[in-house]
Amino acid sequence: MTEQAALEVKNLHVAYGAKQVVQDVSLKFPARQITAMIGASGSGKSTVLRSLNRMNDDLATVTGTINFHGLNINQPDVNVYRVRQRIGMVFQQPTPFPLSIYENVIYGLRLAGERDRRVLDQRVEESLRQAALWDEVKDQLKASALALSGGQQQRLCIARTLAVRPEIILMDEPTSALDPVSTSQIEETLVQLKEQFTIIMVTHNMQQASRSADWTAFMHQGRLVEFGPTAQIFMNPQEEQTADYLSGKFG
């Protein structure tokens, strides 16, 4: 892989108590590309994803190196709040706050102390445009975010993540709770977002991975089996386990 890495994981191990769920994963995530992580339930892909911005801190023991701009962010003295500003997260279920659309988008900015109304207004429009939601909600920014459809709520959550201007966006099954039309809209949005952001996405939907991702990582039983360009993984996998999973022999 010649592309510059936005994030590099070395010898990552994750354990929940005595149960080791991720073992010795090393992986470079290319900058301004979409990387999909695929594998059966329990393969460890979501655990790896959540470790990348320290979401597993209170749940698991995470060892190994996670390099971001030359800094190992998996160290105890690292400011986790700042890590999560730079490496944002979008979850499986849309999670809008019971606030207006406007206040949802700027929630992270307010936490960071931003008070300038012009900055907030500008960031709301910018983020909603990037999430392909502005045209649908620009006349109802004061309305409750909970009144939006599921697909709109998920795009709002993407906008909320974008508003603090992260470099990397982590997505854990971002469309699994959505209908096909909303899923297609999110996928189109992701392809546009990779011009500015690095996207790392866990998905059970292999068609989604093949459509949207530039790179694909296949995990099985806590280990990274294969990583490479998506077309190669799907058309010419190098490992028998990868071929078996893609052909439906397990998972």
Protein backbone atom coordinates (compact mmCIF):
# COMPACT_ATOMS: atom_id res chain seq x y z
CA MET A 1 0.00 0.00 0.00
CA THR A 2 1.63 3.23 -1.18
CA GLU A 3 -1.07 5.61 0.03
CA GLN A 4 -0.32 7.73 3.08
CA ALA A 5 -1.82 6.21 6.22
CA ALA A 6 -4.16 8.39 8.29
CA LEU A 7 -4.02 5.89 11.15
CA GLU A 8 -1.82 2.88 11.83
CA VAL A 9 -2.53 0.05 14.24
CA LYS A 10 0.29 -2.23 15.40
CA ASN A 11 -0.08 -5.44 17.41
CA LEU A 12 -3.52 -4.52 18.73
CA HIS A 13 -4.94 -6.88 21.35
CA VAL A 14 -8.31 -6.37 23.06
CA ALA A 15 -9.65 -8.43 25.96
CA TYR A 16 -12.93 -8.28 27.89
CA GLY A 17 -11.76 -9.63 31.21
CA ALA A 18 -10.10 -12.97 30.50
CA LYS A 19 -11.66 -13.25 27.04
CA GLN A 20 -9.34 -12.20 24.23
CA VAL A 21 -11.51 -10.88 21.38
CA VAL A 22 -8.90 -9.19 19.15
CA GLN A 23 -5.46 -10.71 18.65
CA ASP A 24 -2.39 -9.07 17.16
CA VAL A 25 -4.06 -6.89 14.52
CA SER A 26 -1.75 -4.62 12.52
CA LEU A 27 -3.31 -2.40 9.87
CA LYS A 28 -2.73 0.89 8.05
CA PHE A 29 -5.81 2.91 7.12
CA PRO A 30 -5.20 4.99 3.97
CA ALA A 31 -5.91 8.72 4.17
CA ARG A 32 -8.99 10.11 2.39
CA GLN A 33 -10.17 6.67 1.40
CA ILE A 34 -12.99 4.43 2.62
CA THR A 35 -11.88 1.27 4.38
CA ALA A 36 -14.53 -1.36 5.10
CA MET A 37 -14.06 -3.94 7.84
CA ILE A 38 -16.01 -7.12 7.15
CA GLY A 39 -16.39 -10.46 8.90
CA ALA A 40 -18.92 -12.60 10.74
CA SER A 41 -20.55 -11.47 13.99
CA GLY A 42 -18.04 -11.80 16.79
CA SER A 43 -15.03 -11.50 14.48
CA GLY A 44 -13.75 -8.46 16.36
CA LYS A 45 -14.26 -5.81 13.70
CA SER A 46 -16.46 -3.49 15.80
CA THR A 47 -14.11 -3.96 18.76
CA VAL A 48 -11.17 -2.80 16.63
CA LEU A 49 -13.20 0.16 15.35
CA ARG A 50 -14.19 1.29 18.83
CA SER A 51 -10.60 1.04 19.99
CA LEU A 52 -9.47 3.55 17.37
CA ASN A 53 -10.91 6.49 19.33
CA ARG A 54 -10.72 4.92 22.78
CA MET A 55 -14.41 3.98 23.03
CA ASN A 56 -13.40 0.71 24.69
CA ASP A 57 -11.49 2.37 27.54
CA ASP A 58 -13.91 1.50 30.34
CA LEU A 59 -14.98 -1.83 28.86
CA ALA A 60 -11.86 -3.68 27.81
CA THR A 61 -8.09 -3.95 28.10
CA VAL A 62 -6.57 -2.59 24.89
CA THR A 63 -2.86 -3.09 24.25
CA GLY A 64 -0.76 -2.26 21.22
CA THR A 65 -0.04 0.93 19.32
CA ILE A 66 -2.50 3.22 17.54
CA ASN A 67 -0.44 5.83 15.70
CA PHE A 68 -2.11 9.10 14.70
CA HIS A 69 0.20 11.85 13.42
CA GLY A 70 3.15 10.11 15.03
CA LEU A 71 1.50 9.89 18.45
CA ASN A 72 0.44 6.63 20.05
CA ILE A 73 -3.07 7.59 21.15
CA ASN A 74 -3.41 4.34 23.08
CA GLN A 75 -1.41 5.75 25.98
CA PRO A 76 -2.94 6.58 29.37
CA ASP A 77 -1.78 10.22 29.35
CA VAL A 78 -3.46 11.05 26.02
CA ASN A 79 -6.41 13.48 26.13
CA VAL A 80 -9.27 11.22 25.03
CA TYR A 81 -11.61 14.17 24.46
CA ARG A 82 -9.20 15.64 21.91
CA VAL A 83 -8.75 12.25 20.27
CA ARG A 84 -12.51 12.02 19.74
CA GLN A 85 -12.61 15.50 18.23
CA ARG A 86 -10.12 14.36 15.58
CA ILE A 87 -11.53 10.83 15.20
CA GLY A 88 -15.34 11.02 15.19
CA MET A 89 -17.86 8.20 15.49
CA VAL A 90 -21.22 7.45 13.89
CA PHE A 91 -23.14 4.56 15.45
CA GLN A 92 -25.40 1.82 14.12
CA GLN A 93 -28.63 3.36 15.41
CA PRO A 94 -29.22 7.05 14.67
CA THR A 95 -28.66 8.89 17.96
CA PRO A 96 -30.01 12.45 17.65
CA PHE A 97 -30.34 14.36 20.90
CA PRO A 98 -33.83 15.60 21.93
CA LEU A 99 -32.91 19.07 20.72
CA SER A 100 -33.44 21.11 17.57
CA ILE A 101 -31.69 20.16 14.35
CA TYR A 102 -29.48 23.24 14.75
CA GLU A 103 -28.50 22.41 18.33
CA ASN A 104 -27.74 18.81 17.40
CA VAL A 105 -25.24 19.87 14.76
CA ILE A 106 -23.37 22.34 17.00
CA TYR A 107 -23.47 20.21 20.14
CA GLY A 108 -19.76 19.38 19.99
CA LEU A 109 -18.83 22.96 19.15
CA ARG A 110 -20.69 24.25 22.19
CA LEU A 111 -18.88 21.69 24.36
CA ALA A 112 -15.62 23.02 22.97
CA GLY A 113 -16.62 26.54 24.03
CA GLU A 114 -17.55 28.08 20.68
CA ARG A 115 -19.99 30.97 21.19
CA ASP A 116 -19.68 33.05 18.02
CA ARG A 117 -23.07 32.87 16.31
CA ARG A 118 -21.59 33.46 12.87
CA VAL A 119 -19.21 30.56 13.31
CA LEU A 120 -22.02 28.32 14.55
CA ASP A 121 -24.37 29.29 11.71
CA GLN A 122 -21.66 28.72 9.14
CA ARG A 123 -20.69 25.34 10.57
CA VAL A 124 -24.34 24.18 10.67
CA GLU A 125 -24.84 24.91 6.98
CA GLU A 126 -21.44 23.53 6.00
CA SER A 127 -21.91 20.29 7.93
CA LEU A 128 -25.49 19.70 6.79
CA ARG A 129 -24.41 20.28 3.18
CA GLN A 130 -21.55 17.81 3.57
CA ALA A 131 -24.02 15.27 4.99
CA ALA A 132 -26.41 15.91 2.06
CA LEU A 133 -29.17 17.07 4.39
CA TRP A 134 -29.17 20.87 4.08
CA ASP A 135 -31.76 21.16 1.30
CA GLU A 136 -34.20 18.97 3.24
CA VAL A 137 -33.98 20.77 6.60
CA LYS A 138 -32.75 24.34 5.96
CA ASP A 139 -36.23 25.76 6.66
CA GLN A 140 -36.78 23.77 9.85
CA LEU A 141 -33.53 24.11 11.78
CA LYS A 142 -35.44 24.95 14.97
CA ALA A 143 -37.61 21.84 14.72
CA SER A 144 -36.90 18.77 16.84
CA ALA A 145 -34.37 16.37 15.36
CA LEU A 146 -36.56 13.53 16.62
CA ALA A 147 -39.16 14.40 13.98
CA LEU A 148 -36.80 13.46 11.15
CA SER A 149 -36.96 10.10 9.37
CA GLY A 150 -34.45 7.41 10.27
CA GLY A 151 -32.28 8.14 7.24
CA GLN A 152 -32.37 11.86 7.92
CA GLN A 153 -31.49 11.27 11.57
CA GLN A 154 -28.43 9.26 10.55
CA ARG A 155 -27.30 11.97 8.14
CA LEU A 156 -27.84 14.48 10.96
CA CYS A 157 -25.56 12.37 13.17
CA ILE A 158 -22.97 12.44 10.38
CA ALA A 159 -23.34 16.26 10.23
CA ARG A 160 -22.92 16.46 14.01
CA THR A 161 -19.69 14.50 13.71
CA LEU A 162 -18.46 16.67 10.83
CA ALA A 163 -19.18 19.94 12.64
CA VAL A 164 -16.12 19.59 14.88
CA ARG A 165 -14.01 18.98 11.75
CA PRO A 166 -12.48 15.59 12.46
CA GLU A 167 -9.90 14.02 10.19
CA ILE A 168 -11.25 10.49 10.51
CA ILE A 169 -14.85 9.26 10.71
CA LEU A 170 -15.52 5.84 12.24
CA MET A 171 -18.81 4.22 11.28
CA ASP A 172 -20.24 1.12 12.95
CA GLU A 173 -22.86 -0.42 10.66
CA PRO A 174 -24.12 3.08 9.74
CA THR A 175 -26.97 1.90 7.51
CA SER A 176 -28.07 -1.38 9.10
CA ALA A 177 -31.15 0.27 10.67
CA LEU A 178 -32.14 2.07 7.45
CA ASP A 179 -34.26 1.28 4.40
CA PRO A 180 -32.62 0.75 0.97
CA VAL A 181 -33.29 4.32 -0.23
CA SER A 182 -31.75 5.86 2.88
CA THR A 183 -28.86 3.40 2.65
CA SER A 184 -28.17 4.49 -0.91
CA GLN A 185 -28.22 8.17 0.13
CA ILE A 186 -25.73 7.51 2.93
CA GLU A 187 -23.43 5.57 0.58
CA GLU A 188 -23.47 8.43 -1.94
CA THR A 189 -22.67 10.84 0.89
CA LEU A 190 -19.70 8.74 2.02
CA VAL A 191 -18.16 8.73 -1.44
CA GLN A 192 -18.33 12.54 -1.48
CA LEU A 193 -16.98 12.85 2.07
CA LYS A 194 -13.81 10.87 1.36
CA GLU A 195 -12.53 13.84 -0.64
CA GLN A 196 -11.96 15.53 2.73
CA PHE A 197 -12.11 12.78 5.36
CA THR A 198 -10.74 9.31 6.03
CA ILE A 199 -13.63 6.89 6.60
CA ILE A 200 -13.36 3.55 8.41
CA MET A 201 -16.59 1.57 8.29
CA VAL A 202 -17.70 -1.72 9.82
CA THR A 203 -20.39 -3.38 7.74
CA HIS A 204 -22.14 -6.76 7.52
CA ASN A 205 -23.38 -5.74 4.06
CA MET A 206 -20.84 -7.12 1.60
CA GLN A 207 -22.55 -5.37 -1.32
CA GLN A 208 -22.10 -2.10 0.55
CA ALA A 209 -18.41 -2.80 1.07
CA SER A 210 -17.92 -3.67 -2.60
CA ARG A 211 -19.83 -0.57 -3.74
CA SER A 212 -18.40 2.01 -1.37
CA ALA A 213 -15.02 0.98 -0.04
CA ASP A 214 -11.61 1.53 -1.61
CA TRP A 215 -10.00 -0.95 0.79
CA THR A 216 -11.39 -3.94 2.65
CA ALA A 217 -10.15 -5.73 5.76
CA PHE A 218 -11.51 -9.20 6.49
CA MET A 219 -11.48 -10.36 10.11
CA HIS A 220 -12.19 -13.81 11.52
CA GLN A 221 -12.17 -14.91 15.16
CA GLY A 222 -10.37 -11.80 16.35
CA ARG A 223 -7.62 -11.85 13.76
CA LEU A 224 -7.01 -9.89 10.58
CA VAL A 225 -7.02 -12.48 7.80
CA GLU A 226 -6.61 -10.27 4.75
CA PHE A 227 -6.42 -6.60 3.79
CA GLY A 228 -6.19 -5.06 0.35
CA PRO A 229 -7.93 -3.09 -2.41
CA THR A 230 -11.64 -3.92 -2.35
CA ALA A 231 -11.71 -5.21 -5.94
CA GLN A 232 -8.90 -7.65 -5.15
CA ILE A 233 -10.49 -8.89 -1.92
CA PHE A 234 -13.80 -9.59 -3.64
CA MET A 235 -12.58 -10.81 -7.02
CA ASN A 236 -9.29 -12.49 -6.18
CA PRO A 237 -8.88 -13.09 -2.44
CA GLN A 238 -5.48 -14.45 -1.45
CA GLU A 239 -6.65 -16.38 1.62
CA GLU A 240 -8.94 -19.42 1.58
CA GLN A 241 -10.84 -18.15 4.67
CA THR A 242 -11.65 -14.91 2.83
CA ALA A 243 -12.90 -16.79 -0.22
CA ASP A 244 -15.03 -19.08 1.98
CA TYR A 245 -16.62 -16.13 3.80
CA LEU A 246 -17.37 -14.21 0.60
CA SER A 247 -18.92 -17.33 -0.98
CA GLY A 248 -21.18 -17.84 2.04
CA LYS A 249 -19.55 -20.96 3.46
CA PHE A 250 -19.61 -19.41 6.95
CA GLY A 251 -20.73 -16.21 8.67
